Each structure stands twice: as structure tokens, then as C-alpha cells.
Amino acid sequence: MIGVFDSGHGGLTVLRALHAGLPDKDFTYLGDHAAAPYGNRTPEEVYQLTLAGVERLFALGCPLVVLACNTASAIALRRLQQSWLPHAHPDKRVLGVLVPMVEAITGQPWMADVPAGSMAGEPRTIGIFATRGTVESEAYPREIGKRAPEVRVVQQACPDLVRLIEQDAPAGEIRAAVQTYADALMAKMDGVPPQAVMLGCTHYPLVSDAFVDALPAGVEVLCQPTLTTRSLGHYLERHPEFDLPGTGRVTFHTTGDAERVTRLATRFFGRPAQFRTLTTAGEKVAAS
């Protein structure tokens, strides 16, 4: 069984793609809705909350967990992989949605840590739309720069977009917000379009058409669910010990109000998703 962790609903867009692309695998989803949003929390809080969520999924029988949350991936993933997992759970693994994006942009594997300048290719510019927490972490520019220093990364925070999407705001209101963010990104680039933009939040694929319409024609829009599914498939091929047989079963857990989360989840997952409440994953923060 493969675990998928997010601070809230956005990771359901990743789970939806994973389930469609790997239909014979069993998945368990955990949304830490009681502690959401993570974007306004300190890096240490994000790390401890993410660790607690991963521990919960391990306890539920998931030897492999995907962090379907950009804030958690940007702030907590590398620390989990390098400082905690090797001694706490050496037989388990944690992956993240940030990794496939970085690999797709740079053409370099995540663990390569290629020295700056050693693999320089054709200069190009990539735009990133993300939450304020992900932008302020500088994770995307840092990790892309390690592997492809010739790539210029221009980031644009979209502070209200997650709220608008979760509130199912009118399409016109969402499109107006996206246009504002797209215009702000283009202003930072003096009006010269990037070769591609990354939607660095798992909520944003739900309004990807608004980004396509707001950006100049020809700008490629990269979405995480598709890239994450492709990356996980390749990972399972390389690590057959985690490629466990399943029946296509999907279960849903939340640290929040299961009834409320269930009502909101269908739009993100594409079909009914019945959640049940677990003890708050964030309880471990105080004890860690």
C-alpha cells in the first residue's frame, strides 16, 4: 500500500492521477486538515507536522509515502530523507511532488546533486506559481540551480488562490486572480515569456485552464499530478521491493472533520471519497 500525504485537499489531485496511472496499486490518503494550511507555519512546524503524518501512514501499513504537498516537500522532504528516515525507518521511503518537477525541468535525477556548472545546457527561463510558503522556502530555485544552473527561475506567489479554489469561487473570480498573478510574473520578466511554467501547488491543476489562458500563447504549463505519476511508476520499476501487488483499493483519512472533508473532496478527486477521522497527526509535534 502506498501512502499519500497532504495538509488538506490539494493532494487529492495527485492521488487521482496516481490511481488512474497505477490502477492495480492500493493507496491510503491522509489529509492533515486539522493543522492546515501549512503555508503560514514556520519551517520547524511544517517539518514536525509532516513527520507526524508520515509516521501515521507508516503505522497504517504504507512502506512508501508520497508527500503530495508542496510546502511539505519543499521544507521537510530532504531533512526527512537524510536525517530521520535512515535511523528511524531504514526499510521505508518518502518521496515528494517537488522532485518530479525538478527532474523534469533539469533532466537530472534528484539524488545526483550535480555540481553547479558541470551540466550546463541551453539557457532558458521557467516560471513557478506557488503558495507563499513554497516560494519563500526557495526550494525550487535551489534544487533546480544545483542541477541546471543555466535555468533562470522566476517565482510568483498566489496567496489567495487556494482559498478561492476550496471555496468553489465563481470561475470569473478565479480567472481574475490567476490573471493578476500571471501579469505579476510577466512584469518580473519584463514581458518576455518563459519557456514553461510550473504549477507548484496541488490545488492549481483544477484551474490549469485559467493559467493557460492568462499566459502568452506557447508557454508550456507543467502540472504535478501527471509528472508525479510518471515518476512514481519509474521509481517502482527501479525498486520492486515497494512495487507490492494490490487490488486498486483507495482509503481516505483526515485529522479534521470527516463529514466536511468528504463533502469537499469529490471536486478534487473526481468521484466520491469517503473520509474517516484519525487522531490529529499534529499531536506528535509537541512530543517530538
Protein backbone atom coordinates (compact mmCIF):
# COMPACT_ATOMS: atom_id res chain seq x y z
CA MET A 1 0.00 0.00 0.00
CA ILE A 2 1.28 3.46 -0.94
CA GLY A 3 0.61 6.41 1.34
CA VAL A 4 -0.20 9.89 0.04
CA PHE A 5 0.09 12.79 2.50
CA ASP A 6 -1.08 16.38 2.22
CA SER A 7 -2.02 19.18 4.56
CA GLY A 8 -5.51 19.25 3.07
CA HIS A 9 -7.42 18.62 -0.17
CA GLY A 10 -4.88 19.52 -2.84
CA GLY A 11 -3.08 16.19 -2.71
CA LEU A 12 -6.25 14.53 -3.94
CA THR A 13 -5.42 15.80 -7.44
CA VAL A 14 -2.16 13.85 -7.19
CA LEU A 15 -3.90 10.79 -5.76
CA ARG A 16 -6.44 10.96 -8.61
CA ALA A 17 -3.64 10.80 -11.19
CA LEU A 18 -1.75 8.09 -9.28
CA HIS A 19 -4.84 5.90 -9.03
CA ALA A 20 -5.60 6.36 -12.74
CA GLY A 21 -2.00 5.70 -13.80
CA LEU A 22 -1.34 2.82 -11.38
CA PRO A 23 -4.80 1.21 -11.11
CA ASP A 24 -3.53 -2.05 -9.63
CA LYS A 25 -1.97 -0.35 -6.58
CA ASP A 26 -3.59 0.26 -3.20
CA PHE A 27 -3.42 3.82 -1.86
CA THR A 28 -4.11 5.39 1.51
CA TYR A 29 -4.58 9.16 1.70
CA LEU A 30 -4.09 11.28 4.80
CA GLY A 31 -5.02 14.96 4.88
CA ASP A 32 -3.89 16.89 7.95
CA HIS A 33 -6.89 19.21 7.73
CA ALA A 34 -6.80 19.94 11.48
CA ALA A 35 -3.43 21.68 11.07
CA ALA A 36 -3.95 23.16 7.60
CA PRO A 37 -2.83 25.35 5.99
CA TYR A 38 0.88 24.67 6.27
CA GLY A 39 1.90 27.73 4.25
CA ASN A 40 1.53 30.05 7.25
CA ARG A 41 3.56 27.86 9.61
CA THR A 42 7.24 28.00 10.49
CA PRO A 43 9.64 25.57 8.80
CA GLU A 44 10.05 23.63 12.04
CA GLU A 45 6.29 23.30 12.45
CA VAL A 46 5.95 22.08 8.87
CA TYR A 47 8.70 19.54 9.43
CA GLN A 48 7.21 18.19 12.65
CA LEU A 49 3.68 18.02 11.22
CA THR A 50 4.93 16.26 8.11
CA LEU A 51 6.94 13.80 10.16
CA ALA A 52 3.86 13.05 12.26
CA GLY A 53 1.76 12.46 9.13
CA VAL A 54 4.36 10.15 7.60
CA GLU A 55 4.59 8.20 10.86
CA ARG A 56 0.82 7.79 10.82
CA LEU A 57 0.87 6.41 7.26
CA PHE A 58 3.72 4.05 8.14
CA ALA A 59 1.58 2.80 11.04
CA LEU A 60 -1.31 2.25 8.63
CA GLY A 61 0.85 -0.15 6.64
CA CYS A 62 2.38 2.11 3.96
CA PRO A 63 6.12 1.40 3.47
CA LEU A 64 6.27 4.13 0.80
CA VAL A 65 4.79 7.61 1.26
CA VAL A 66 4.41 10.39 -1.30
CA LEU A 67 4.30 13.94 0.06
CA ALA A 68 1.58 15.42 -2.16
CA CYS A 69 2.08 18.83 -0.57
CA ASN A 70 4.49 21.38 -2.00
CA THR A 71 5.12 23.09 1.33
CA ALA A 72 5.93 19.78 3.00
CA SER A 73 8.06 18.67 0.05
CA ALA A 74 9.91 21.97 -0.13
CA ILE A 75 10.61 22.28 3.58
CA ALA A 76 10.61 18.78 5.06
CA LEU A 77 11.47 16.18 2.40
CA ARG A 78 15.25 16.39 2.28
CA ARG A 79 15.53 16.53 6.08
CA LEU A 80 13.26 13.51 6.42
CA GLN A 81 15.24 11.57 3.83
CA GLN A 82 18.68 12.43 5.16
CA SER A 83 18.35 12.95 8.91
CA TRP A 84 15.37 10.93 10.13
CA LEU A 85 14.47 8.05 7.84
CA PRO A 86 17.85 6.23 7.76
CA HIS A 87 17.82 5.54 11.50
CA ALA A 88 14.08 5.65 12.31
CA HIS A 89 12.72 3.59 9.39
CA PRO A 90 15.58 2.39 7.16
CA ASP A 91 13.27 -0.01 5.33
CA LYS A 92 10.76 2.68 4.32
CA ARG A 93 10.86 5.57 1.86
CA VAL A 94 9.39 9.08 1.49
CA LEU A 95 9.07 10.82 -1.88
CA GLY A 96 7.65 14.23 -2.80
CA VAL A 97 5.91 16.18 -5.56
CA LEU A 98 8.73 18.69 -5.78
CA VAL A 99 11.14 16.03 -7.02
CA PRO A 100 9.43 15.11 -10.34
CA MET A 101 9.13 18.80 -11.22
CA VAL A 102 12.83 19.44 -10.59
CA GLU A 103 13.79 16.33 -12.56
CA ALA A 104 11.52 17.31 -15.47
CA ILE A 105 13.00 20.81 -15.68
CA THR A 106 16.66 19.85 -15.26
CA GLY A 107 16.84 16.38 -16.80
CA GLN A 108 18.88 15.35 -13.75
CA PRO A 109 17.93 12.80 -11.07
CA TRP A 110 17.05 14.22 -7.65
CA MET A 111 19.86 12.43 -5.80
CA ALA A 112 22.52 13.48 -8.30
CA ASP A 113 23.32 16.86 -6.66
CA VAL A 114 25.26 17.78 -9.79
CA PRO A 115 27.89 20.46 -9.08
CA ALA A 116 26.86 23.85 -10.44
CA GLY A 117 28.11 24.41 -13.96
CA SER A 118 29.02 20.81 -14.71
CA MET A 119 25.93 20.04 -16.79
CA ALA A 120 25.11 23.47 -18.18
CA GLY A 121 22.86 23.40 -21.23
CA GLU A 122 20.87 25.95 -23.20
CA PRO A 123 19.79 28.92 -21.07
CA ARG A 124 16.05 29.09 -20.51
CA THR A 125 13.56 30.63 -18.11
CA ILE A 126 10.98 28.80 -16.01
CA GLY A 127 8.16 30.45 -14.11
CA ILE A 128 6.75 28.98 -10.93
CA PHE A 129 3.33 29.71 -9.45
CA ALA A 130 3.05 28.52 -5.86
CA THR A 131 1.89 29.36 -2.35
CA ARG A 132 3.79 31.96 -0.35
CA GLY A 133 5.31 29.22 1.85
CA THR A 134 6.71 27.30 -1.11
CA VAL A 135 8.06 30.46 -2.74
CA GLU A 136 9.71 31.68 0.45
CA SER A 137 11.36 28.28 1.01
CA GLU A 138 13.37 28.89 -2.21
CA ALA A 139 13.33 25.10 -2.69
CA TYR A 140 12.62 25.16 -6.42
CA PRO A 141 15.32 27.71 -7.35
CA ARG A 142 17.80 25.99 -5.03
CA GLU A 143 17.25 22.45 -6.29
CA ILE A 144 17.00 23.47 -9.96
CA GLY A 145 20.13 25.60 -9.61
CA LYS A 146 22.13 22.66 -8.27
CA ARG A 147 21.38 20.59 -11.33
CA ALA A 148 20.85 23.14 -14.12
CA PRO A 149 22.48 26.49 -13.30
CA GLU A 150 21.66 27.76 -16.77
CA VAL A 151 17.94 27.79 -15.92
CA ARG A 152 16.57 31.09 -14.66
CA VAL A 153 13.75 30.53 -12.17
CA VAL A 154 11.18 33.29 -11.60
CA GLN A 155 8.66 32.67 -8.83
CA GLN A 156 5.23 34.18 -8.22
CA ALA A 157 3.25 33.61 -5.03
CA CYS A 158 -0.51 33.23 -5.38
CA PRO A 159 -1.65 33.90 -1.81
CA ASP A 160 -5.44 33.80 -2.31
CA LEU A 161 -5.80 31.10 -4.93
CA VAL A 162 -6.04 28.05 -2.65
CA ARG A 163 -8.78 29.76 -0.65
CA LEU A 164 -10.72 30.63 -3.80
CA ILE A 165 -10.47 27.09 -5.13
CA GLU A 166 -11.53 25.49 -1.85
CA GLN A 167 -14.47 27.88 -1.56
CA ASP A 168 -15.50 26.96 -5.12
CA ALA A 169 -15.47 30.65 -6.03
CA PRO A 170 -17.09 31.72 -9.32
CA ALA A 171 -14.97 30.99 -12.39
CA GLY A 172 -14.71 34.69 -13.21
CA GLU A 173 -13.27 35.49 -9.79
CA ILE A 174 -10.71 32.71 -10.06
CA ARG A 175 -9.72 33.72 -13.59
CA ALA A 176 -9.30 37.34 -12.48
CA ALA A 177 -6.99 36.24 -9.64
CA VAL A 178 -4.96 34.00 -11.95
CA GLN A 179 -4.63 36.83 -14.48
CA THR A 180 -3.31 39.10 -11.73
CA TYR A 181 -0.67 36.55 -10.77
CA ALA A 182 0.25 35.88 -14.40
CA ASP A 183 0.63 39.60 -15.05
CA ALA A 184 2.85 39.93 -11.96
CA LEU A 185 5.07 37.10 -13.19
CA MET A 186 5.37 38.65 -16.65
CA ALA A 187 6.25 42.02 -15.11
CA LYS A 188 9.16 40.39 -13.28
CA MET A 189 10.34 39.09 -16.64
CA ASP A 190 9.95 42.43 -18.45
CA GLY A 191 7.24 40.90 -20.60
CA VAL A 192 9.47 38.18 -22.10
CA PRO A 193 7.54 34.88 -21.83
CA PRO A 194 9.16 31.91 -20.10
CA GLN A 195 9.60 28.64 -21.95
CA ALA A 196 7.38 26.94 -19.38
CA VAL A 197 5.67 27.49 -16.05
CA MET A 198 5.20 25.05 -13.21
CA LEU A 199 2.01 24.97 -11.17
CA GLY A 200 3.73 24.44 -7.83
CA CYS A 201 0.63 23.73 -5.77
CA THR A 202 -1.54 20.64 -5.99
CA HIS A 203 -4.71 22.78 -5.98
CA TYR A 204 -3.74 24.59 -9.16
CA PRO A 205 -4.35 21.76 -11.67
CA LEU A 206 -8.07 22.28 -11.01
CA VAL A 207 -7.74 25.70 -12.66
CA SER A 208 -4.92 24.97 -15.11
CA ASP A 209 -7.05 26.22 -18.00
CA ALA A 210 -7.14 29.64 -16.36
CA PHE A 211 -3.32 29.71 -16.29
CA VAL A 212 -3.15 28.63 -19.93
CA ASP A 213 -5.49 31.47 -20.92
CA ALA A 214 -3.71 34.05 -18.75
CA LEU A 215 -0.22 33.37 -20.12
CA PRO A 216 1.15 34.20 -23.57
CA ALA A 217 0.46 31.62 -26.25
CA GLY A 218 3.04 28.85 -26.46
CA VAL A 219 4.04 28.80 -22.78
CA GLU A 220 4.01 25.19 -21.59
CA VAL A 221 2.12 24.62 -18.32
CA LEU A 222 3.50 21.75 -16.25
CA CYS A 223 1.20 20.08 -13.70
CA GLN A 224 2.43 17.96 -10.82
CA PRO A 225 -0.09 15.08 -10.83
CA THR A 226 0.98 13.84 -14.27
CA LEU A 227 4.70 14.19 -13.57
CA THR A 228 4.38 12.61 -10.12
CA THR A 229 2.55 9.60 -11.54
CA ARG A 230 5.20 9.08 -14.20
CA SER A 231 7.98 9.48 -11.63
CA LEU A 232 6.41 7.04 -9.17
CA GLY A 233 5.96 4.44 -11.91
CA HIS A 234 9.66 4.68 -12.76
CA TYR A 235 10.58 4.53 -9.07
CA LEU A 236 8.60 1.32 -8.58
CA GLU A 237 10.34 -0.22 -11.58
CA ARG A 238 13.71 0.57 -10.01
CA HIS A 239 12.62 -0.53 -6.53
CA PRO A 240 10.49 -3.66 -6.88
CA GLU A 241 10.52 -4.15 -3.11
CA PHE A 242 7.93 -1.35 -2.95
CA ASP A 243 6.02 -2.49 -6.04
CA LEU A 244 3.54 -4.50 -4.00
CA PRO A 245 0.51 -6.19 -5.59
CA GLY A 246 -2.84 -4.62 -4.83
CA THR A 247 -6.49 -4.53 -5.81
CA GLY A 248 -6.88 -0.85 -6.66
CA ARG A 249 -8.34 -0.02 -3.25
CA VAL A 250 -8.22 3.60 -2.06
CA THR A 251 -8.90 4.69 1.53
CA PHE A 252 -9.19 8.24 2.84
CA HIS A 253 -8.26 9.64 6.25
CA THR A 254 -8.28 13.11 7.77
CA THR A 255 -7.25 14.69 11.04
CA GLY A 256 -10.19 17.06 10.67
CA ASP A 257 -13.97 16.80 10.34
CA ALA A 258 -14.54 13.75 8.12
CA GLU A 259 -18.05 14.78 7.12
CA ARG A 260 -16.97 18.23 5.99
CA VAL A 261 -13.88 16.93 4.20
CA THR A 262 -15.91 14.28 2.40
CA ARG A 263 -18.30 16.95 1.06
CA LEU A 264 -15.42 18.95 -0.39
CA ALA A 265 -13.30 16.08 -1.66
CA THR A 266 -15.27 14.99 -4.72
CA ARG A 267 -14.23 18.02 -6.77
CA PHE A 268 -10.55 17.28 -6.12
CA PHE A 269 -10.64 13.50 -6.51
CA GLY A 270 -13.15 13.42 -9.37
CA ARG A 271 -15.51 10.98 -7.66
CA PRO A 272 -16.90 10.41 -4.16
CA ALA A 273 -14.23 9.99 -1.50
CA GLN A 274 -15.43 8.85 1.92
CA PHE A 275 -13.11 10.09 4.66
CA ARG A 276 -12.80 8.95 8.24
CA THR A 277 -11.21 10.90 11.05
CA LEU A 278 -7.96 9.81 12.66
CA THR A 279 -6.40 11.21 15.79
CA THR A 280 -4.77 14.52 14.91
CA ALA A 281 -1.45 13.86 13.19
CA GLY A 282 -0.13 17.06 14.71
CA GLU A 283 -0.30 15.59 18.22
CA LYS A 284 3.25 14.36 17.77
CA VAL A 285 4.57 17.87 17.28
CA ALA A 286 4.64 18.57 20.98
CA ALA A 287 6.33 15.25 21.74
CA SER A 288 8.95 15.41 19.00
